[in-house]
Amino acid sequence: MEKREELYSGKAKSVYTTDDPNRLILHFRDDTSAFDGKKKEALNRKGAVNNQFNAFIMEKLEAAGIATHFDQLLSTQESLVKCLKMIPVECVVRNIAAGSICRRLGVQEGLTLEQPVFEFFLKNDELGDPMINDYHIAAFGWAESEHVERMKTLTLAVNDVLKPLFLSAGLLLVDYKLEFGLYDGELVLGDEFTPDGCRLWDAETRAKLDKDRFRQGLGNVVEAYEEVGQRLGITFNY
């Protein structure tokens, strides 16, 4: 597979075209950002950790029958993925109250929810990724109604797979966000699943082992990501 020009550079990943128009290369950089890019830092080993962590999770989801864009690891920091037509919507599931839901609803962080809460957000950094609903998506033509329902179903199906997986490693899956795209007309999970895009707490101490360590200045960010991976049985290569 020949790596060609850079197609896009985001906050923590760069996307490259290849000699196959249906395949892209994701390069996980060491960059870390929070608060819509207002806080930035490069953290040694982070790109390699997230790339390999994402590969592990995507393979678990594929084994459970959830289609993803992931094809294979190419190196410690790069993966080969399918080229999707991305839907500009983020799908969020919350099992425990944390982050923006606490600010919006005035609830205490750490409250275990009676059932998972599903939320849509528009993927738009300039607007701060505002919360939206099905009506907004239909009115602005961001996705077809059948794909909206499918995104809900798949996002909650991911919860059914990953919540017990993390719990078996002594971890609570607090919340997470997913992004989807179309590949040959099929809705497929895209982007990534790493501690950058979910919250993971130690099941006993509730110590934070995710990107909140960076947001809140707790330190040992990459070390926390590595601990999560090692608990899951991932052996990281650098």
Protein backbone atom coordinates (compact mmCIF):
# COMPACT_ATOMS: atom_id res chain seq x y z
CA MET A 1 0.00 0.00 0.00
CA GLU A 2 1.54 3.31 -1.10
CA LYS A 3 1.10 6.28 1.22
CA ARG A 4 0.47 9.47 -0.71
CA GLU A 5 -0.50 13.06 0.14
CA GLU A 6 -1.97 14.32 3.38
CA LEU A 7 -5.72 14.65 3.01
CA TYR A 8 -6.56 16.09 6.42
CA SER A 9 -4.87 16.95 9.68
CA GLY A 10 -7.01 17.00 12.81
CA LYS A 11 -6.23 17.60 16.46
CA ALA A 12 -4.47 14.29 17.04
CA LYS A 13 -4.56 12.37 13.74
CA SER A 14 -3.48 12.95 10.16
CA VAL A 15 -5.18 11.23 7.23
CA TYR A 16 -3.33 10.25 4.06
CA THR A 17 -4.53 9.00 0.71
CA THR A 18 -3.14 5.79 -0.78
CA ASP A 19 -2.84 4.23 -4.23
CA ASP A 20 -6.23 2.59 -3.51
CA PRO A 21 -9.06 5.18 -3.67
CA ASN A 22 -11.06 3.10 -1.18
CA ARG A 23 -8.37 3.08 1.50
CA LEU A 24 -6.77 5.73 3.71
CA ILE A 25 -3.94 5.73 6.22
CA LEU A 26 -4.54 7.14 9.70
CA HIS A 27 -1.46 8.49 11.44
CA PHE A 28 -1.95 8.86 15.20
CA ARG A 29 0.25 11.74 16.32
CA ASP A 30 1.50 12.47 19.85
CA ASP A 31 -0.52 15.69 19.89
CA THR A 32 -3.19 16.18 22.55
CA SER A 33 -5.74 18.95 22.77
CA ALA A 34 -8.73 19.93 24.89
CA PHE A 35 -11.34 22.67 25.10
CA ASP A 36 -11.72 22.91 21.31
CA GLY A 37 -7.97 23.21 20.80
CA LYS A 38 -7.35 25.88 23.42
CA LYS A 39 -5.08 23.54 25.41
CA LYS A 40 -2.46 21.65 23.42
CA GLU A 41 0.55 19.50 24.18
CA ALA A 42 2.62 16.73 22.59
CA LEU A 43 2.84 13.66 24.83
CA ASN A 44 5.53 11.07 24.15
CA ARG A 45 4.20 7.62 23.07
CA LYS A 46 0.56 8.79 22.87
CA GLY A 47 0.22 8.24 19.12
CA ALA A 48 1.51 4.69 19.32
CA VAL A 49 -0.66 3.89 22.34
CA ASN A 50 -3.84 5.23 20.76
CA ASN A 51 -3.21 3.56 17.40
CA GLN A 52 -2.75 0.13 18.97
CA PHE A 53 -5.55 0.66 21.50
CA ASN A 54 -7.93 1.60 18.68
CA ALA A 55 -6.95 -1.47 16.65
CA PHE A 56 -7.68 -3.72 19.63
CA ILE A 57 -11.14 -2.20 20.22
CA MET A 58 -12.09 -2.14 16.54
CA GLU A 59 -11.20 -5.82 16.23
CA LYS A 60 -13.36 -6.63 19.27
CA LEU A 61 -16.29 -4.75 17.72
CA GLU A 62 -15.80 -6.46 14.35
CA ALA A 63 -15.80 -9.84 16.11
CA ALA A 64 -19.14 -8.87 17.68
CA GLY A 65 -20.64 -8.12 14.26
CA ILE A 66 -20.27 -4.31 14.26
CA ALA A 67 -18.79 -3.11 10.96
CA THR A 68 -15.89 -0.67 11.31
CA HIS A 69 -13.56 1.11 8.91
CA PHE A 70 -10.48 -0.53 10.43
CA ASP A 71 -8.48 -2.88 8.19
CA GLN A 72 -5.08 -3.43 9.79
CA LEU A 73 -2.16 -1.96 11.70
CA LEU A 74 0.60 -0.75 9.41
CA SER A 75 3.07 0.44 12.05
CA THR A 76 3.13 1.55 15.66
CA GLN A 77 1.43 4.84 14.75
CA GLU A 78 -0.41 4.08 11.49
CA SER A 79 -3.45 2.06 10.47
CA LEU A 80 -5.08 1.24 7.16
CA VAL A 81 -8.80 2.07 7.06
CA LYS A 82 -11.66 2.18 4.59
CA CYS A 83 -12.47 5.54 3.02
CA LEU A 84 -15.88 6.57 4.35
CA LYS A 85 -18.23 9.39 3.50
CA MET A 86 -18.44 10.73 7.05
CA ILE A 87 -21.67 11.92 8.67
CA PRO A 88 -21.03 15.23 10.53
CA VAL A 89 -22.66 14.01 13.73
CA GLU A 90 -21.19 12.61 16.95
CA CYS A 91 -23.08 9.89 18.82
CA VAL A 92 -22.60 9.89 22.59
CA VAL A 93 -23.65 7.29 25.15
CA ARG A 94 -23.45 7.97 28.88
CA ASN A 95 -23.57 5.28 31.56
CA ILE A 96 -22.42 7.51 34.42
CA ALA A 97 -22.87 11.28 34.69
CA ALA A 98 -19.69 13.21 33.85
CA GLY A 99 -18.62 16.15 31.73
CA SER A 100 -21.15 18.32 29.92
CA ILE A 101 -24.26 16.50 31.13
CA CYS A 102 -23.39 17.53 34.69
CA ARG A 103 -23.08 21.18 33.65
CA ARG A 104 -26.24 21.11 31.55
CA LEU A 105 -28.50 19.33 34.03
CA GLY A 106 -26.89 20.23 37.34
CA VAL A 107 -26.30 16.62 38.34
CA GLN A 108 -23.36 15.39 40.36
CA GLU A 109 -20.44 13.72 38.61
CA GLY A 110 -20.38 10.00 39.26
CA LEU A 111 -24.14 9.45 39.36
CA THR A 112 -24.87 6.04 37.82
CA LEU A 113 -27.71 6.46 35.34
CA GLU A 114 -30.79 4.24 35.46
CA GLN A 115 -30.24 3.46 31.78
CA PRO A 116 -27.73 4.57 29.14
CA VAL A 117 -28.38 8.08 27.80
CA PHE A 118 -27.94 8.63 24.06
CA GLU A 119 -27.17 12.10 22.66
CA PHE A 120 -26.37 13.62 19.26
CA PHE A 121 -23.86 16.46 18.79
CA LEU A 122 -22.98 18.35 15.63
CA LYS A 123 -19.31 17.87 14.74
CA ASN A 124 -18.27 21.51 14.51
CA ASP A 125 -15.32 22.79 16.55
CA GLU A 126 -16.04 26.45 15.82
CA LEU A 127 -19.50 26.11 17.36
CA GLY A 128 -18.27 23.95 20.24
CA ASP A 129 -19.96 20.76 18.97
CA PRO A 130 -23.51 21.80 19.95
CA MET A 131 -26.06 19.24 21.08
CA ILE A 132 -28.68 18.44 18.41
CA ASN A 133 -31.51 15.98 17.88
CA ASP A 134 -33.14 13.92 15.12
CA TYR A 135 -35.16 16.89 13.91
CA HIS A 136 -32.06 19.03 13.36
CA ILE A 137 -30.40 16.20 11.44
CA ALA A 138 -33.43 15.79 9.17
CA ALA A 139 -34.00 19.53 8.69
CA PHE A 140 -30.42 20.22 7.64
CA GLY A 141 -29.95 17.00 5.70
CA TRP A 142 -26.97 15.78 7.70
CA ALA A 143 -28.09 12.13 7.47
CA GLU A 144 -30.93 10.00 6.14
CA SER A 145 -33.56 8.92 8.68
CA GLU A 146 -32.64 5.25 8.26
CA HIS A 147 -29.02 6.06 9.04
CA VAL A 148 -30.02 8.10 12.10
CA GLU A 149 -31.84 5.11 13.57
CA ARG A 150 -28.99 2.81 12.62
CA MET A 151 -26.46 5.08 14.35
CA LYS A 152 -28.51 4.88 17.55
CA THR A 153 -28.74 1.10 17.33
CA LEU A 154 -25.04 0.60 16.64
CA THR A 155 -23.88 3.09 19.28
CA LEU A 156 -25.88 1.28 21.95
CA ALA A 157 -24.69 -2.10 20.59
CA VAL A 158 -21.11 -0.90 21.13
CA ASN A 159 -22.06 -0.26 24.76
CA ASP A 160 -23.25 -3.86 25.10
CA VAL A 161 -19.88 -5.09 23.83
CA LEU A 162 -17.47 -2.73 25.55
CA LYS A 163 -19.08 -2.09 28.93
CA PRO A 164 -18.58 -5.71 30.09
CA LEU A 165 -15.18 -5.87 28.37
CA PHE A 166 -13.88 -2.93 30.40
CA LEU A 167 -15.59 -4.12 33.58
CA SER A 168 -13.76 -7.45 33.28
CA ALA A 169 -10.56 -5.38 33.46
CA GLY A 170 -11.74 -3.50 36.54
CA LEU A 171 -12.82 -0.42 34.59
CA LEU A 172 -16.04 1.56 34.30
CA LEU A 173 -17.03 2.78 30.83
CA VAL A 174 -18.44 6.14 31.89
CA ASP A 175 -19.23 7.54 28.44
CA TYR A 176 -17.94 7.63 24.87
CA LYS A 177 -18.47 9.24 21.48
CA LEU A 178 -18.59 7.58 18.09
CA GLU A 179 -18.62 8.79 14.50
CA PHE A 180 -20.05 6.96 11.51
CA GLY A 181 -19.74 7.11 7.74
CA LEU A 182 -20.98 5.33 4.63
CA TYR A 183 -19.02 2.72 2.71
CA ASP A 184 -20.73 1.29 -0.36
CA GLY A 185 -24.03 2.48 1.11
CA GLU A 186 -23.46 0.69 4.43
CA LEU A 187 -23.25 2.58 7.72
CA VAL A 188 -19.85 1.84 9.23
CA LEU A 189 -18.13 2.92 12.45
CA GLY A 190 -15.31 5.34 11.67
CA ASP A 191 -12.82 7.60 13.44
CA GLU A 192 -11.39 5.95 16.59
CA PHE A 193 -12.16 4.47 19.99
CA THR A 194 -9.43 5.46 22.44
CA PRO A 195 -9.19 7.09 25.88
CA ASP A 196 -9.21 10.39 23.98
CA GLY A 197 -12.89 9.91 23.13
CA CYS A 198 -14.28 8.08 26.14
CA ARG A 199 -14.16 8.23 29.92
CA LEU A 200 -12.77 5.26 31.83
CA TRP A 201 -12.58 5.04 35.61
CA ASP A 202 -11.08 2.44 37.90
CA ALA A 203 -14.05 0.42 39.13
CA GLU A 204 -12.95 0.50 42.77
CA THR A 205 -11.26 3.87 43.27
CA ARG A 206 -12.95 5.73 40.37
CA ALA A 207 -9.55 7.14 39.44
CA LYS A 208 -9.72 8.74 35.99
CA LEU A 209 -7.75 6.91 33.32
CA ASP A 210 -8.72 8.91 30.24
CA LYS A 211 -8.34 12.32 28.60
CA ASP A 212 -9.78 14.04 31.67
CA ARG A 213 -6.30 13.62 33.14
CA PHE A 214 -5.12 16.08 30.47
CA ARG A 215 -8.17 18.37 30.68
CA GLN A 216 -7.89 18.63 34.46
CA GLY A 217 -4.09 18.74 34.71
CA LEU A 218 -3.85 15.46 36.65
CA GLY A 219 -0.70 14.31 34.88
CA ASN A 220 0.45 10.84 33.78
CA VAL A 221 -1.92 10.90 30.80
CA VAL A 222 -0.15 8.39 28.58
CA GLU A 223 0.68 6.21 31.57
CA ALA A 224 -3.04 6.01 32.36
CA TYR A 225 -3.84 5.05 28.74
CA GLU A 226 -1.15 2.37 28.91
CA GLU A 227 -2.58 1.03 32.16
CA VAL A 228 -6.01 0.66 30.57
CA GLY A 229 -4.53 -1.15 27.59
CA GLN A 230 -2.42 -3.45 29.73
CA ARG A 231 -5.45 -4.37 31.84
CA LEU A 232 -7.21 -5.36 28.62
CA GLY A 233 -4.25 -7.50 27.59
CA ILE A 234 -2.73 -5.18 24.99
CA THR A 235 1.05 -5.35 24.55
CA PHE A 236 2.19 -2.01 23.18
CA ASN A 237 5.04 -1.72 20.70
CA TYR A 238 7.06 1.50 20.36
